[in-house]
Amino acid sequence: MAISEDLATFDTDNEVVAFDAGAEATLGNPDGENFLAEHMQNAFGKPVGVALSDDEIMTSFWCTVAGVTHTRWVRLAV
């Protein structure tokens, strides 16, 4: 996660990694003719964030670890 004031440039020098899918970023070799199967190979997705205060952000996302998909929440101080 990296801060941006204009949604075009991001402070990647001070980014925070809450989850690194690594080798699990792609799961298997799905049927390329099946839209759902093709997109279900992703091991991370749908990050959403909300400002809790002027200096805190809560974000949530789903991820897959060791073949188990679950939801995670992360609270960050800005």
N, C-alpha and C. Protein backbone atom coordinates (compact mmCIF):
# COMPACT_ATOMS: atom_id res chain seq x y z
N MET A 1 0.84 -1.15 0.00
CA MET A 1 0.00 0.00 0.00
C MET A 1 0.89 1.22 0.00
N ALA A 2 0.48 2.23 -0.79
CA ALA A 2 1.26 3.45 -0.88
C ALA A 2 0.31 4.64 -0.95
N ILE A 3 0.67 5.70 -0.29
CA ILE A 3 -0.15 6.93 -0.24
C ILE A 3 -0.08 7.67 -1.57
N SER A 4 -1.21 8.25 -1.95
CA SER A 4 -1.28 9.10 -3.15
C SER A 4 -2.23 10.26 -2.87
N GLU A 5 -1.85 11.43 -3.31
CA GLU A 5 -2.73 12.59 -3.17
C GLU A 5 -3.52 12.86 -4.43
N ASP A 6 -3.10 12.24 -5.56
CA ASP A 6 -3.77 12.52 -6.84
C ASP A 6 -4.17 11.25 -7.60
N LEU A 7 -3.96 10.08 -7.00
CA LEU A 7 -4.25 8.77 -7.62
C LEU A 7 -3.51 8.54 -8.93
N ALA A 8 -2.44 9.30 -9.15
CA ALA A 8 -1.59 9.12 -10.32
C ALA A 8 -0.15 8.84 -9.90
N THR A 9 0.29 9.47 -8.82
CA THR A 9 1.64 9.23 -8.30
C THR A 9 1.51 8.68 -6.88
N PHE A 10 2.39 7.72 -6.54
CA PHE A 10 2.30 7.04 -5.26
C PHE A 10 3.65 7.07 -4.56
N ASP A 11 3.63 7.19 -3.25
CA ASP A 11 4.84 7.22 -2.43
C ASP A 11 5.34 5.79 -2.20
N THR A 12 5.93 5.21 -3.24
CA THR A 12 6.39 3.82 -3.15
C THR A 12 7.66 3.67 -2.31
N ASP A 13 8.35 4.79 -2.03
CA ASP A 13 9.52 4.71 -1.15
C ASP A 13 9.11 4.35 0.27
N ASN A 14 7.87 4.67 0.64
CA ASN A 14 7.36 4.40 1.98
C ASN A 14 6.18 3.42 1.97
N GLU A 15 6.11 2.57 0.94
CA GLU A 15 5.00 1.63 0.85
C GLU A 15 5.07 0.56 1.94
N VAL A 16 3.92 -0.04 2.22
CA VAL A 16 3.82 -1.11 3.21
C VAL A 16 3.25 -2.34 2.51
N VAL A 17 3.89 -3.49 2.71
CA VAL A 17 3.39 -4.74 2.14
C VAL A 17 2.68 -5.51 3.26
N ALA A 18 1.36 -5.66 3.12
CA ALA A 18 0.57 -6.38 4.12
C ALA A 18 0.45 -7.86 3.79
N PHE A 19 0.50 -8.18 2.50
CA PHE A 19 0.40 -9.58 2.06
C PHE A 19 1.11 -9.70 0.73
N ASP A 20 1.97 -10.68 0.60
CA ASP A 20 2.69 -10.93 -0.64
C ASP A 20 2.30 -12.33 -1.12
N ALA A 21 1.51 -12.38 -2.19
CA ALA A 21 1.03 -13.66 -2.70
C ALA A 21 2.17 -14.54 -3.18
N GLY A 22 3.26 -13.93 -3.62
CA GLY A 22 4.43 -14.70 -4.03
C GLY A 22 4.09 -15.79 -5.03
N ALA A 23 4.50 -17.01 -4.74
CA ALA A 23 4.28 -18.13 -5.65
C ALA A 23 2.80 -18.49 -5.78
N GLU A 24 1.97 -18.01 -4.84
CA GLU A 24 0.55 -18.32 -4.90
C GLU A 24 -0.25 -17.27 -5.67
N ALA A 25 0.42 -16.36 -6.36
CA ALA A 25 -0.29 -15.32 -7.11
C ALA A 25 -1.16 -15.92 -8.21
N THR A 26 -0.78 -17.06 -8.73
CA THR A 26 -1.58 -17.76 -9.73
C THR A 26 -1.72 -19.21 -9.28
N LEU A 27 -2.94 -19.71 -9.30
CA LEU A 27 -3.21 -21.06 -8.84
C LEU A 27 -3.57 -21.97 -10.01
N GLY A 28 -2.72 -22.90 -10.35
CA GLY A 28 -3.02 -23.89 -11.37
C GLY A 28 -3.12 -23.35 -12.78
N ASN A 29 -3.66 -24.17 -13.67
CA ASN A 29 -3.86 -23.83 -15.07
C ASN A 29 -5.33 -24.03 -15.41
N PRO A 30 -6.17 -23.00 -15.21
CA PRO A 30 -7.60 -23.16 -15.43
C PRO A 30 -7.96 -23.24 -16.91
N ASP A 31 -9.15 -23.69 -17.18
CA ASP A 31 -9.70 -23.76 -18.53
C ASP A 31 -9.79 -22.35 -19.10
N GLY A 32 -9.01 -22.04 -20.13
CA GLY A 32 -8.97 -20.71 -20.73
C GLY A 32 -10.25 -20.30 -21.42
N GLU A 33 -11.14 -21.24 -21.67
CA GLU A 33 -12.42 -20.94 -22.31
C GLU A 33 -13.49 -20.56 -21.29
N ASN A 34 -13.19 -20.73 -20.01
CA ASN A 34 -14.15 -20.48 -18.95
C ASN A 34 -13.75 -19.21 -18.20
N PHE A 35 -14.52 -18.12 -18.35
CA PHE A 35 -14.21 -16.83 -17.75
C PHE A 35 -14.02 -16.95 -16.24
N LEU A 36 -14.95 -17.61 -15.55
CA LEU A 36 -14.87 -17.72 -14.10
C LEU A 36 -13.64 -18.52 -13.68
N ALA A 37 -13.40 -19.64 -14.32
CA ALA A 37 -12.24 -20.46 -13.98
C ALA A 37 -10.94 -19.69 -14.20
N GLU A 38 -10.90 -18.91 -15.27
CA GLU A 38 -9.71 -18.13 -15.57
C GLU A 38 -9.41 -17.12 -14.47
N HIS A 39 -10.45 -16.46 -13.96
CA HIS A 39 -10.26 -15.43 -12.93
C HIS A 39 -10.15 -16.01 -11.52
N MET A 40 -10.58 -17.23 -11.33
CA MET A 40 -10.44 -17.85 -10.02
C MET A 40 -9.01 -18.32 -9.76
N GLN A 41 -8.13 -18.23 -10.75
CA GLN A 41 -6.73 -18.62 -10.53
C GLN A 41 -5.98 -17.58 -9.71
N ASN A 42 -6.52 -16.37 -9.58
CA ASN A 42 -5.85 -15.33 -8.81
C ASN A 42 -5.91 -15.65 -7.32
N ALA A 43 -4.82 -15.40 -6.60
CA ALA A 43 -4.76 -15.72 -5.18
C ALA A 43 -4.89 -14.48 -4.30
N PHE A 44 -5.27 -13.35 -4.87
CA PHE A 44 -5.40 -12.12 -4.10
C PHE A 44 -6.39 -11.22 -4.82
N GLY A 45 -7.21 -10.50 -4.08
CA GLY A 45 -8.10 -9.59 -4.78
C GLY A 45 -8.99 -8.72 -3.92
N LYS A 46 -9.65 -7.81 -4.61
CA LYS A 46 -10.66 -6.89 -4.10
C LYS A 46 -10.22 -6.13 -2.86
N PRO A 47 -9.08 -5.42 -2.92
CA PRO A 47 -8.72 -4.59 -1.78
C PRO A 47 -9.66 -3.39 -1.69
N VAL A 48 -10.09 -3.07 -0.47
CA VAL A 48 -10.98 -1.94 -0.21
C VAL A 48 -10.42 -1.22 1.01
N GLY A 49 -10.46 0.11 1.00
CA GLY A 49 -9.96 0.86 2.14
C GLY A 49 -10.93 1.92 2.60
N VAL A 50 -10.82 2.28 3.88
CA VAL A 50 -11.64 3.34 4.45
C VAL A 50 -10.80 4.09 5.49
N ALA A 51 -10.93 5.42 5.50
CA ALA A 51 -10.22 6.23 6.49
C ALA A 51 -10.96 6.14 7.82
N LEU A 52 -10.25 5.73 8.86
CA LEU A 52 -10.84 5.65 10.20
C LEU A 52 -10.73 7.00 10.90
N SER A 53 -9.65 7.71 10.60
CA SER A 53 -9.39 9.04 11.17
C SER A 53 -8.39 9.71 10.23
N ASP A 54 -7.86 10.85 10.65
CA ASP A 54 -6.89 11.54 9.80
C ASP A 54 -5.60 10.75 9.62
N ASP A 55 -5.31 9.83 10.53
CA ASP A 55 -4.04 9.12 10.44
C ASP A 55 -4.15 7.60 10.49
N GLU A 56 -5.35 7.06 10.26
CA GLU A 56 -5.51 5.61 10.23
C GLU A 56 -6.38 5.18 9.06
N ILE A 57 -5.98 4.06 8.45
CA ILE A 57 -6.72 3.48 7.33
C ILE A 57 -6.97 2.01 7.65
N MET A 58 -8.18 1.54 7.35
CA MET A 58 -8.49 0.12 7.46
C MET A 58 -8.70 -0.40 6.05
N THR A 59 -8.01 -1.47 5.71
CA THR A 59 -8.18 -2.08 4.40
C THR A 59 -8.52 -3.55 4.57
N SER A 60 -9.27 -4.09 3.63
CA SER A 60 -9.58 -5.51 3.65
C SER A 60 -9.36 -6.08 2.25
N PHE A 61 -9.11 -7.37 2.18
CA PHE A 61 -8.89 -8.04 0.90
C PHE A 61 -9.04 -9.54 1.13
N TRP A 62 -9.21 -10.29 0.06
CA TRP A 62 -9.18 -11.75 0.18
C TRP A 62 -7.85 -12.24 -0.35
N CYS A 63 -7.40 -13.36 0.16
CA CYS A 63 -6.14 -13.93 -0.29
C CYS A 63 -6.15 -15.44 -0.08
N THR A 64 -5.22 -16.10 -0.72
CA THR A 64 -5.10 -17.55 -0.61
C THR A 64 -3.72 -17.88 -0.05
N VAL A 65 -3.71 -18.67 1.01
CA VAL A 65 -2.46 -19.11 1.63
C VAL A 65 -2.57 -20.62 1.82
N ALA A 66 -1.59 -21.35 1.30
CA ALA A 66 -1.56 -22.81 1.41
C ALA A 66 -2.86 -23.43 0.89
N GLY A 67 -3.40 -22.86 -0.18
CA GLY A 67 -4.60 -23.40 -0.80
C GLY A 67 -5.91 -23.04 -0.13
N VAL A 68 -5.87 -22.24 0.95
CA VAL A 68 -7.09 -21.83 1.66
C VAL A 68 -7.32 -20.34 1.41
N THR A 69 -8.52 -19.99 0.91
CA THR A 69 -8.86 -18.60 0.63
C THR A 69 -9.64 -18.03 1.80
N HIS A 70 -9.24 -16.85 2.25
CA HIS A 70 -9.90 -16.21 3.38
C HIS A 70 -9.80 -14.69 3.26
N THR A 71 -10.45 -13.98 4.14
CA THR A 71 -10.44 -12.51 4.14
C THR A 71 -9.50 -12.02 5.24
N ARG A 72 -8.79 -10.93 4.92
CA ARG A 72 -7.90 -10.30 5.91
C ARG A 72 -8.25 -8.83 6.03
N TRP A 73 -8.04 -8.27 7.22
CA TRP A 73 -8.20 -6.83 7.47
C TRP A 73 -6.88 -6.32 8.00
N VAL A 74 -6.50 -5.13 7.57
CA VAL A 74 -5.26 -4.52 8.04
C VAL A 74 -5.56 -3.09 8.44
N ARG A 75 -5.09 -2.69 9.63
CA ARG A 75 -5.25 -1.32 10.12
C ARG A 75 -3.88 -0.66 10.07
N LEU A 76 -3.79 0.47 9.37
CA LEU A 76 -2.50 1.14 9.17
C LEU A 76 -2.52 2.56 9.71
N ALA A 77 -1.40 2.98 10.27
CA ALA A 77 -1.21 4.37 10.67
C ALA A 77 -0.52 5.08 9.52
N VAL A 78 -1.02 6.23 9.14
CA VAL A 78 -0.44 7.00 8.03
C VAL A 78 0.67 7.87 8.56
